[in-house]
Amino acid sequence: MSESGTKGLVQLPSGHSFADTLSRLESTVQSKGLTIFARIHFSDDAGKAGLKVNPTSMVIFGNPKAGTPLIIASPTLAIDFPLKILVS
């Protein structure tokens, strides 16, 4: 799998369908003991607004026990927590 990055953004192609990629991502996150805090389904929300966008969802996840001490030590790190992955 090749990687390309732009200013801190890493993009990885998937050999799976959108739905399968999203499902596999969520399963992997949970198998690592991380909590999924939210899922934002941009394409669903766009449809409700009468707009069309290719399937696009964001998974927001993390581990408060691991992340909170880092934020306490350096509060500006909170801009990067919780972690996010965009599937499109």
N, C-alpha and C. Protein backbone atom coordinates (compact mmCIF):
# COMPACT_ATOMS: atom_id res chain seq x y z
N MET A 1 0.85 -1.17 0.00
CA MET A 1 0.00 0.00 0.00
C MET A 1 0.90 1.24 0.00
N SER A 2 0.66 2.13 -0.90
CA SER A 2 1.49 3.33 -0.96
C SER A 2 0.87 4.43 -0.11
N GLU A 3 1.74 5.32 0.36
CA GLU A 3 1.31 6.45 1.18
C GLU A 3 1.66 7.74 0.46
N SER A 4 0.79 8.72 0.59
CA SER A 4 1.14 10.06 0.16
C SER A 4 0.68 11.01 1.24
N GLY A 5 1.45 12.04 1.50
CA GLY A 5 1.09 12.97 2.56
C GLY A 5 1.21 14.40 2.10
N THR A 6 0.38 15.27 2.66
CA THR A 6 0.41 16.68 2.36
C THR A 6 0.28 17.44 3.67
N LYS A 7 1.36 18.09 4.10
CA LYS A 7 1.35 18.92 5.30
C LYS A 7 0.71 18.22 6.49
N GLY A 8 1.20 17.03 6.82
CA GLY A 8 0.72 16.31 7.99
C GLY A 8 -0.45 15.39 7.74
N LEU A 9 -1.00 15.42 6.56
CA LEU A 9 -2.12 14.55 6.21
C LEU A 9 -1.58 13.33 5.49
N VAL A 10 -1.95 12.16 5.95
CA VAL A 10 -1.52 10.92 5.31
C VAL A 10 -2.73 10.29 4.63
N GLN A 11 -2.59 9.96 3.36
CA GLN A 11 -3.67 9.33 2.60
C GLN A 11 -3.25 7.93 2.21
N LEU A 12 -4.11 6.97 2.52
CA LEU A 12 -3.85 5.57 2.19
C LEU A 12 -5.01 5.02 1.38
N PRO A 13 -4.73 4.49 0.21
CA PRO A 13 -5.82 3.90 -0.58
C PRO A 13 -6.26 2.57 0.05
N SER A 14 -7.53 2.24 -0.14
CA SER A 14 -8.06 0.97 0.36
C SER A 14 -8.43 0.10 -0.82
N GLY A 15 -8.19 -1.18 -0.67
CA GLY A 15 -8.59 -2.14 -1.69
C GLY A 15 -9.99 -2.67 -1.46
N HIS A 16 -10.71 -2.05 -0.53
CA HIS A 16 -12.05 -2.51 -0.16
C HIS A 16 -13.08 -1.43 -0.49
N SER A 17 -14.35 -1.83 -0.47
CA SER A 17 -15.42 -0.87 -0.70
C SER A 17 -15.44 0.16 0.43
N PHE A 18 -16.16 1.25 0.20
CA PHE A 18 -16.29 2.28 1.23
C PHE A 18 -16.85 1.67 2.52
N ALA A 19 -17.97 0.97 2.43
CA ALA A 19 -18.62 0.40 3.62
C ALA A 19 -17.72 -0.59 4.32
N ASP A 20 -17.03 -1.44 3.56
CA ASP A 20 -16.13 -2.43 4.17
C ASP A 20 -14.94 -1.74 4.83
N THR A 21 -14.40 -0.72 4.17
CA THR A 21 -13.27 0.03 4.75
C THR A 21 -13.68 0.66 6.07
N LEU A 22 -14.84 1.30 6.11
CA LEU A 22 -15.33 1.94 7.32
C LEU A 22 -15.54 0.91 8.43
N SER A 23 -16.15 -0.21 8.09
CA SER A 23 -16.40 -1.27 9.07
C SER A 23 -15.09 -1.85 9.61
N ARG A 24 -14.15 -2.10 8.73
CA ARG A 24 -12.85 -2.66 9.15
C ARG A 24 -12.09 -1.67 10.03
N LEU A 25 -12.16 -0.40 9.67
CA LEU A 25 -11.51 0.64 10.47
C LEU A 25 -12.08 0.65 11.89
N GLU A 26 -13.41 0.68 11.98
CA GLU A 26 -14.05 0.73 13.30
C GLU A 26 -13.72 -0.52 14.12
N SER A 27 -13.72 -1.68 13.48
CA SER A 27 -13.37 -2.92 14.19
C SER A 27 -11.93 -2.88 14.71
N THR A 28 -11.04 -2.36 13.89
CA THR A 28 -9.63 -2.27 14.30
C THR A 28 -9.46 -1.31 15.47
N VAL A 29 -10.11 -0.15 15.39
CA VAL A 29 -10.04 0.84 16.46
C VAL A 29 -10.51 0.21 17.78
N GLN A 30 -11.66 -0.45 17.73
CA GLN A 30 -12.22 -1.05 18.95
C GLN A 30 -11.37 -2.21 19.45
N SER A 31 -10.77 -2.98 18.55
CA SER A 31 -9.94 -4.11 18.96
C SER A 31 -8.68 -3.65 19.68
N LYS A 32 -8.28 -2.41 19.47
CA LYS A 32 -7.10 -1.84 20.14
C LYS A 32 -7.47 -1.21 21.48
N GLY A 33 -8.73 -1.35 21.89
CA GLY A 33 -9.16 -0.81 23.17
C GLY A 33 -9.49 0.67 23.14
N LEU A 34 -9.65 1.22 21.96
CA LEU A 34 -9.97 2.64 21.83
C LEU A 34 -11.49 2.81 21.78
N THR A 35 -11.94 3.98 22.16
CA THR A 35 -13.36 4.31 22.18
C THR A 35 -13.71 5.11 20.94
N ILE A 36 -14.78 4.73 20.26
CA ILE A 36 -15.30 5.55 19.17
C ILE A 36 -16.27 6.54 19.80
N PHE A 37 -15.92 7.82 19.74
CA PHE A 37 -16.73 8.88 20.35
C PHE A 37 -17.84 9.35 19.42
N ALA A 38 -17.54 9.36 18.11
CA ALA A 38 -18.54 9.87 17.17
C ALA A 38 -18.23 9.38 15.77
N ARG A 39 -19.27 9.36 14.98
CA ARG A 39 -19.17 9.09 13.55
C ARG A 39 -19.92 10.22 12.85
N ILE A 40 -19.28 10.85 11.90
CA ILE A 40 -19.93 11.91 11.13
C ILE A 40 -20.03 11.41 9.69
N HIS A 41 -21.25 11.27 9.22
CA HIS A 41 -21.48 10.77 7.87
C HIS A 41 -21.82 11.97 6.98
N PHE A 42 -20.78 12.57 6.43
CA PHE A 42 -20.93 13.78 5.63
C PHE A 42 -21.87 13.58 4.45
N SER A 43 -21.77 12.43 3.80
CA SER A 43 -22.62 12.19 2.64
C SER A 43 -24.09 12.09 3.03
N ASP A 44 -24.39 11.49 4.17
CA ASP A 44 -25.78 11.42 4.65
C ASP A 44 -26.30 12.82 4.97
N ASP A 45 -25.47 13.60 5.66
CA ASP A 45 -25.88 14.96 6.02
C ASP A 45 -26.08 15.82 4.77
N ALA A 46 -25.21 15.64 3.78
CA ALA A 46 -25.36 16.39 2.53
C ALA A 46 -26.68 16.04 1.86
N GLY A 47 -27.02 14.75 1.86
CA GLY A 47 -28.28 14.32 1.26
C GLY A 47 -29.48 14.96 1.92
N LYS A 48 -29.43 15.10 3.25
CA LYS A 48 -30.53 15.74 3.98
C LYS A 48 -30.66 17.21 3.60
N ALA A 49 -29.57 17.80 3.13
CA ALA A 49 -29.58 19.21 2.72
C ALA A 49 -29.86 19.35 1.22
N GLY A 50 -30.17 18.22 0.57
CA GLY A 50 -30.46 18.26 -0.86
C GLY A 50 -29.22 18.32 -1.73
N LEU A 51 -28.06 17.95 -1.16
CA LEU A 51 -26.80 17.98 -1.90
C LEU A 51 -26.26 16.56 -2.04
N LYS A 52 -25.37 16.36 -2.98
CA LYS A 52 -24.80 15.05 -3.20
C LYS A 52 -23.29 15.13 -3.10
N VAL A 53 -22.72 14.21 -2.34
CA VAL A 53 -21.27 14.09 -2.22
C VAL A 53 -20.96 12.59 -2.18
N ASN A 54 -19.81 12.22 -2.70
CA ASN A 54 -19.41 10.81 -2.64
C ASN A 54 -19.41 10.35 -1.18
N PRO A 55 -19.57 9.04 -0.95
CA PRO A 55 -19.56 8.54 0.43
C PRO A 55 -18.34 9.05 1.19
N THR A 56 -18.59 9.73 2.31
CA THR A 56 -17.53 10.31 3.12
C THR A 56 -17.97 10.29 4.58
N SER A 57 -17.14 9.67 5.43
CA SER A 57 -17.44 9.60 6.86
C SER A 57 -16.18 9.82 7.66
N MET A 58 -16.35 10.42 8.84
CA MET A 58 -15.23 10.62 9.76
C MET A 58 -15.51 9.81 11.04
N VAL A 59 -14.49 9.12 11.50
CA VAL A 59 -14.57 8.39 12.77
C VAL A 59 -13.68 9.13 13.75
N ILE A 60 -14.26 9.50 14.89
CA ILE A 60 -13.53 10.23 15.93
C ILE A 60 -13.36 9.26 17.10
N PHE A 61 -12.11 9.05 17.51
CA PHE A 61 -11.85 8.00 18.49
C PHE A 61 -10.65 8.35 19.37
N GLY A 62 -10.50 7.62 20.46
CA GLY A 62 -9.35 7.85 21.32
C GLY A 62 -9.43 7.03 22.58
N ASN A 63 -8.55 7.39 23.50
CA ASN A 63 -8.47 6.73 24.80
C ASN A 63 -8.25 7.82 25.84
N PRO A 64 -9.31 8.21 26.57
CA PRO A 64 -9.18 9.29 27.55
C PRO A 64 -8.09 9.04 28.60
N LYS A 65 -7.89 7.79 28.97
CA LYS A 65 -6.87 7.49 29.98
C LYS A 65 -5.47 7.82 29.46
N ALA A 66 -5.26 7.64 28.16
CA ALA A 66 -3.95 7.94 27.57
C ALA A 66 -3.84 9.40 27.14
N GLY A 67 -4.91 9.96 26.59
CA GLY A 67 -4.84 11.31 26.05
C GLY A 67 -4.92 12.41 27.07
N THR A 68 -5.70 12.20 28.13
CA THR A 68 -5.90 13.26 29.12
C THR A 68 -4.61 13.72 29.79
N PRO A 69 -3.74 12.80 30.22
CA PRO A 69 -2.47 13.27 30.82
C PRO A 69 -1.64 14.13 29.87
N LEU A 70 -1.70 13.81 28.58
CA LEU A 70 -0.95 14.61 27.60
C LEU A 70 -1.54 16.01 27.49
N ILE A 71 -2.87 16.10 27.51
CA ILE A 71 -3.53 17.40 27.43
C ILE A 71 -3.28 18.21 28.70
N ILE A 72 -3.23 17.54 29.84
CA ILE A 72 -2.92 18.23 31.10
C ILE A 72 -1.51 18.82 31.03
N ALA A 73 -0.58 18.04 30.49
CA ALA A 73 0.82 18.50 30.40
C ALA A 73 0.99 19.60 29.37
N SER A 74 0.22 19.54 28.29
CA SER A 74 0.34 20.54 27.23
C SER A 74 -1.05 20.77 26.63
N PRO A 75 -1.82 21.70 27.20
CA PRO A 75 -3.22 21.90 26.81
C PRO A 75 -3.46 22.10 25.32
N THR A 76 -2.51 22.66 24.59
CA THR A 76 -2.75 22.88 23.16
C THR A 76 -2.80 21.57 22.36
N LEU A 77 -2.35 20.48 22.95
CA LEU A 77 -2.46 19.19 22.28
C LEU A 77 -3.92 18.80 22.05
N ALA A 78 -4.82 19.41 22.81
CA ALA A 78 -6.24 19.10 22.68
C ALA A 78 -6.76 19.38 21.27
N ILE A 79 -6.05 20.21 20.50
CA ILE A 79 -6.47 20.47 19.13
C ILE A 79 -6.35 19.20 18.28
N ASP A 80 -5.47 18.30 18.68
CA ASP A 80 -5.25 17.06 17.94
C ASP A 80 -5.98 15.86 18.53
N PHE A 81 -6.61 16.03 19.67
CA PHE A 81 -7.33 14.93 20.32
C PHE A 81 -8.81 15.27 20.39
N PRO A 82 -9.71 14.34 20.25
CA PRO A 82 -9.43 12.94 19.93
C PRO A 82 -8.94 12.79 18.50
N LEU A 83 -8.51 11.58 18.21
CA LEU A 83 -7.98 11.28 16.89
C LEU A 83 -9.12 11.16 15.88
N LYS A 84 -8.81 11.40 14.62
CA LYS A 84 -9.82 11.37 13.58
C LYS A 84 -9.29 10.65 12.34
N ILE A 85 -10.18 9.89 11.70
CA ILE A 85 -9.85 9.29 10.41
C ILE A 85 -11.02 9.57 9.47
N LEU A 86 -10.69 10.04 8.28
CA LEU A 86 -11.70 10.32 7.25
C LEU A 86 -11.65 9.21 6.22
N VAL A 87 -12.81 8.63 5.94
CA VAL A 87 -12.92 7.60 4.91
C VAL A 87 -13.76 8.19 3.78
N SER A 88 -13.20 8.18 2.57
CA SER A 88 -13.96 8.71 1.43
C SER A 88 -13.59 7.96 0.17
